[in-house]
Amino acid sequence: MNPSTLEVSDRIMNRRPIPDTVWRSPAGEVVSCVEKLKVLRENLEEIQQICQDALEDAVLMGCEENQFKQILGRLVQQIENPYREKSD
């Protein structure tokens, strides 16, 4: 039996919140600027919502959930830091 739209909506609205994180600089110092922490949290919430929407689209189009999640994981692994010092 497929879940009703209301059940799916309730499950989505109750999704796990972004965990509180102690963010650290590359030197190991705690990032404590309130605005920076706010931007980090908002970015993660947006990413979570985009990933949720994409997963729902994939499942509704007949794709296998775990395969889609594996692809998302690969995408995350491919993200590159454009600010990393490059060795010559």
N, C-alpha and C. Protein backbone atom coordinates (compact mmCIF):
# COMPACT_ATOMS: atom_id res chain seq x y z
N MET A 1 0.84 -1.19 0.00
CA MET A 1 0.00 0.00 0.00
C MET A 1 0.88 1.25 0.00
N ASN A 2 0.60 2.19 -0.88
CA ASN A 2 1.37 3.42 -0.95
C ASN A 2 0.91 4.40 0.13
N PRO A 3 1.87 5.11 0.72
CA PRO A 3 1.48 6.09 1.74
C PRO A 3 0.71 7.24 1.10
N SER A 4 -0.23 7.79 1.86
CA SER A 4 -0.99 8.93 1.36
C SER A 4 -0.11 10.16 1.30
N THR A 5 -0.53 11.14 0.53
CA THR A 5 0.21 12.39 0.42
C THR A 5 0.37 13.04 1.79
N LEU A 6 -0.65 12.97 2.61
CA LEU A 6 -0.59 13.55 3.95
C LEU A 6 0.46 12.84 4.80
N GLU A 7 0.52 11.51 4.72
CA GLU A 7 1.53 10.77 5.48
C GLU A 7 2.93 11.14 5.02
N VAL A 8 3.13 11.25 3.72
CA VAL A 8 4.45 11.63 3.19
C VAL A 8 4.80 13.03 3.64
N SER A 9 3.84 13.95 3.55
CA SER A 9 4.08 15.33 3.97
C SER A 9 4.45 15.40 5.44
N ASP A 10 3.72 14.66 6.28
CA ASP A 10 4.02 14.65 7.72
C ASP A 10 5.42 14.11 7.98
N ARG A 11 5.81 13.06 7.26
CA ARG A 11 7.13 12.47 7.45
C ARG A 11 8.22 13.46 7.04
N ILE A 12 7.99 14.19 5.95
CA ILE A 12 8.96 15.17 5.47
C ILE A 12 9.09 16.32 6.46
N MET A 13 7.97 16.81 6.93
CA MET A 13 8.00 17.95 7.86
C MET A 13 8.69 17.59 9.17
N ASN A 14 8.71 16.31 9.52
CA ASN A 14 9.34 15.87 10.76
C ASN A 14 10.74 15.31 10.53
N ARG A 15 11.33 15.61 9.37
CA ARG A 15 12.66 15.07 9.09
C ARG A 15 13.66 15.57 10.12
N ARG A 16 14.71 14.82 10.27
CA ARG A 16 15.69 15.14 11.29
C ARG A 16 16.33 16.50 11.03
N PRO A 17 16.42 17.31 12.05
CA PRO A 17 17.04 18.63 11.87
C PRO A 17 18.55 18.50 11.64
N ILE A 18 19.12 19.53 11.12
CA ILE A 18 20.57 19.58 10.94
C ILE A 18 21.18 19.55 12.34
N PRO A 19 22.09 18.63 12.61
CA PRO A 19 22.67 18.57 13.96
C PRO A 19 23.54 19.79 14.25
N ASP A 20 23.53 20.20 15.51
CA ASP A 20 24.43 21.28 15.92
C ASP A 20 25.86 20.79 15.74
N THR A 21 26.68 21.63 15.16
CA THR A 21 28.04 21.25 14.85
C THR A 21 28.99 22.31 15.37
N VAL A 22 30.09 21.89 15.95
CA VAL A 22 31.16 22.81 16.30
C VAL A 22 32.06 22.88 15.07
N TRP A 23 31.96 23.97 14.33
CA TRP A 23 32.74 24.13 13.11
C TRP A 23 34.15 24.59 13.47
N ARG A 24 35.11 24.07 12.76
CA ARG A 24 36.51 24.40 13.01
C ARG A 24 37.18 24.91 11.75
N SER A 25 38.13 25.80 11.96
CA SER A 25 38.95 26.30 10.85
C SER A 25 39.99 25.25 10.51
N PRO A 26 40.70 25.40 9.38
CA PRO A 26 41.76 24.45 9.06
C PRO A 26 42.83 24.36 10.15
N ALA A 27 42.99 25.43 10.93
CA ALA A 27 43.97 25.44 12.03
C ALA A 27 43.40 24.81 13.30
N GLY A 28 42.11 24.41 13.28
CA GLY A 28 41.50 23.78 14.44
C GLY A 28 40.79 24.74 15.37
N GLU A 29 40.79 26.01 15.05
CA GLU A 29 40.10 26.99 15.89
C GLU A 29 38.59 26.91 15.67
N VAL A 30 37.85 27.15 16.73
CA VAL A 30 36.38 27.10 16.64
C VAL A 30 35.89 28.33 15.87
N VAL A 31 35.00 28.09 14.91
CA VAL A 31 34.35 29.18 14.19
C VAL A 31 33.17 29.61 15.05
N SER A 32 33.21 30.86 15.53
CA SER A 32 32.19 31.29 16.48
C SER A 32 31.37 32.48 15.99
N CYS A 33 31.68 33.02 14.83
CA CYS A 33 30.94 34.16 14.30
C CYS A 33 29.49 33.73 14.05
N VAL A 34 28.56 34.43 14.67
CA VAL A 34 27.15 34.08 14.59
C VAL A 34 26.65 34.11 13.14
N GLU A 35 27.07 35.10 12.37
CA GLU A 35 26.63 35.19 10.98
C GLU A 35 27.16 34.03 10.15
N LYS A 36 28.41 33.64 10.37
CA LYS A 36 28.98 32.50 9.64
C LYS A 36 28.23 31.23 9.98
N LEU A 37 27.94 31.04 11.25
CA LEU A 37 27.21 29.84 11.69
C LEU A 37 25.80 29.82 11.10
N LYS A 38 25.19 30.99 11.02
CA LYS A 38 23.84 31.09 10.44
C LYS A 38 23.88 30.71 8.96
N VAL A 39 24.88 31.22 8.23
CA VAL A 39 24.99 30.91 6.80
C VAL A 39 25.24 29.41 6.60
N LEU A 40 26.12 28.82 7.42
CA LEU A 40 26.39 27.39 7.31
C LEU A 40 25.11 26.57 7.52
N ARG A 41 24.36 26.90 8.56
CA ARG A 41 23.11 26.18 8.85
C ARG A 41 22.11 26.34 7.71
N GLU A 42 21.94 27.58 7.23
CA GLU A 42 20.99 27.82 6.13
C GLU A 42 21.40 27.05 4.88
N ASN A 43 22.70 27.04 4.57
CA ASN A 43 23.18 26.30 3.40
C ASN A 43 22.87 24.81 3.54
N LEU A 44 23.13 24.25 4.71
CA LEU A 44 22.86 22.82 4.92
C LEU A 44 21.37 22.51 4.84
N GLU A 45 20.54 23.40 5.36
CA GLU A 45 19.09 23.20 5.27
C GLU A 45 18.63 23.23 3.82
N GLU A 46 19.20 24.15 3.02
CA GLU A 46 18.85 24.22 1.60
C GLU A 46 19.29 22.96 0.87
N ILE A 47 20.51 22.51 1.15
CA ILE A 47 21.02 21.28 0.52
C ILE A 47 20.14 20.10 0.89
N GLN A 48 19.77 20.01 2.16
CA GLN A 48 18.90 18.92 2.61
C GLN A 48 17.58 18.94 1.85
N GLN A 49 16.99 20.11 1.69
CA GLN A 49 15.69 20.21 1.01
C GLN A 49 15.83 19.85 -0.47
N ILE A 50 16.89 20.34 -1.11
CA ILE A 50 17.09 20.03 -2.53
C ILE A 50 17.29 18.52 -2.71
N CYS A 51 18.08 17.91 -1.83
CA CYS A 51 18.30 16.46 -1.92
C CYS A 51 17.00 15.70 -1.68
N GLN A 52 16.20 16.15 -0.72
CA GLN A 52 14.92 15.50 -0.44
C GLN A 52 14.00 15.58 -1.65
N ASP A 53 13.92 16.78 -2.25
CA ASP A 53 13.07 16.96 -3.43
C ASP A 53 13.54 16.07 -4.58
N ALA A 54 14.85 16.01 -4.79
CA ALA A 54 15.39 15.20 -5.88
C ALA A 54 15.13 13.71 -5.63
N LEU A 55 15.26 13.27 -4.39
CA LEU A 55 14.98 11.87 -4.06
C LEU A 55 13.51 11.54 -4.34
N GLU A 56 12.63 12.42 -3.91
CA GLU A 56 11.20 12.19 -4.14
C GLU A 56 10.90 12.12 -5.63
N ASP A 57 11.50 13.03 -6.42
CA ASP A 57 11.30 12.99 -7.87
C ASP A 57 11.78 11.66 -8.44
N ALA A 58 12.97 11.24 -8.02
CA ALA A 58 13.54 9.98 -8.54
C ALA A 58 12.64 8.80 -8.21
N VAL A 59 12.18 8.74 -6.97
CA VAL A 59 11.33 7.61 -6.56
C VAL A 59 10.01 7.64 -7.33
N LEU A 60 9.42 8.82 -7.49
CA LEU A 60 8.16 8.93 -8.23
C LEU A 60 8.33 8.55 -9.70
N MET A 61 9.55 8.72 -10.23
CA MET A 61 9.82 8.35 -11.62
C MET A 61 10.25 6.89 -11.75
N GLY A 62 10.23 6.16 -10.63
CA GLY A 62 10.50 4.74 -10.67
C GLY A 62 11.92 4.33 -10.38
N CYS A 63 12.75 5.24 -9.92
CA CYS A 63 14.14 4.91 -9.60
C CYS A 63 14.23 4.28 -8.21
N GLU A 64 15.27 3.49 -8.02
CA GLU A 64 15.50 2.81 -6.75
C GLU A 64 16.14 3.79 -5.76
N GLU A 65 15.56 3.88 -4.58
CA GLU A 65 15.97 4.86 -3.57
C GLU A 65 17.45 4.75 -3.21
N ASN A 66 17.92 3.56 -2.89
CA ASN A 66 19.31 3.42 -2.45
C ASN A 66 20.31 3.76 -3.55
N GLN A 67 19.97 3.43 -4.79
CA GLN A 67 20.84 3.79 -5.90
C GLN A 67 20.96 5.31 -5.99
N PHE A 68 19.83 6.00 -5.86
CA PHE A 68 19.85 7.46 -5.92
C PHE A 68 20.71 8.04 -4.81
N LYS A 69 20.57 7.49 -3.60
CA LYS A 69 21.37 7.98 -2.47
C LYS A 69 22.86 7.73 -2.70
N GLN A 70 23.20 6.60 -3.33
CA GLN A 70 24.61 6.33 -3.64
C GLN A 70 25.16 7.37 -4.61
N ILE A 71 24.35 7.74 -5.59
CA ILE A 71 24.78 8.76 -6.54
C ILE A 71 24.97 10.10 -5.84
N LEU A 72 24.08 10.45 -4.94
CA LEU A 72 24.25 11.69 -4.17
C LEU A 72 25.55 11.66 -3.38
N GLY A 73 25.85 10.51 -2.78
CA GLY A 73 27.10 10.37 -2.03
C GLY A 73 28.31 10.57 -2.92
N ARG A 74 28.25 10.03 -4.13
CA ARG A 74 29.36 10.21 -5.08
C ARG A 74 29.52 11.67 -5.46
N LEU A 75 28.39 12.35 -5.65
CA LEU A 75 28.46 13.77 -5.98
C LEU A 75 29.16 14.56 -4.88
N VAL A 76 28.84 14.25 -3.63
CA VAL A 76 29.47 14.94 -2.50
C VAL A 76 30.98 14.68 -2.50
N GLN A 77 31.36 13.44 -2.78
CA GLN A 77 32.79 13.09 -2.80
C GLN A 77 33.53 13.82 -3.91
N GLN A 78 32.84 14.23 -4.96
CA GLN A 78 33.49 14.91 -6.09
C GLN A 78 33.59 16.42 -5.93
N ILE A 79 32.96 16.96 -4.90
CA ILE A 79 33.03 18.41 -4.67
C ILE A 79 34.48 18.79 -4.39
N GLU A 80 34.93 19.86 -5.04
CA GLU A 80 36.31 20.32 -4.87
C GLU A 80 36.36 21.68 -4.20
N ASN A 81 37.35 21.87 -3.37
CA ASN A 81 37.59 23.14 -2.70
C ASN A 81 38.43 24.02 -3.63
N PRO A 82 37.86 25.09 -4.19
CA PRO A 82 38.62 25.93 -5.11
C PRO A 82 39.64 26.82 -4.40
N TYR A 83 39.61 26.85 -3.07
CA TYR A 83 40.50 27.71 -2.30
C TYR A 83 41.69 26.98 -1.72
N ARG A 84 41.75 25.66 -1.91
CA ARG A 84 42.85 24.87 -1.39
C ARG A 84 44.14 25.28 -2.07
N GLU A 85 45.19 25.42 -1.27
CA GLU A 85 46.49 25.75 -1.84
C GLU A 85 46.94 24.60 -2.72
N LYS A 86 47.34 24.95 -3.93
CA LYS A 86 47.77 23.93 -4.86
C LYS A 86 49.29 23.78 -4.78
N SER A 87 49.75 22.53 -4.75
CA SER A 87 51.19 22.29 -4.73
C SER A 87 51.69 22.28 -6.17
N ASP A 88 52.82 22.90 -6.38
CA ASP A 88 53.38 22.97 -7.75
C ASP A 88 54.27 21.81 -8.05
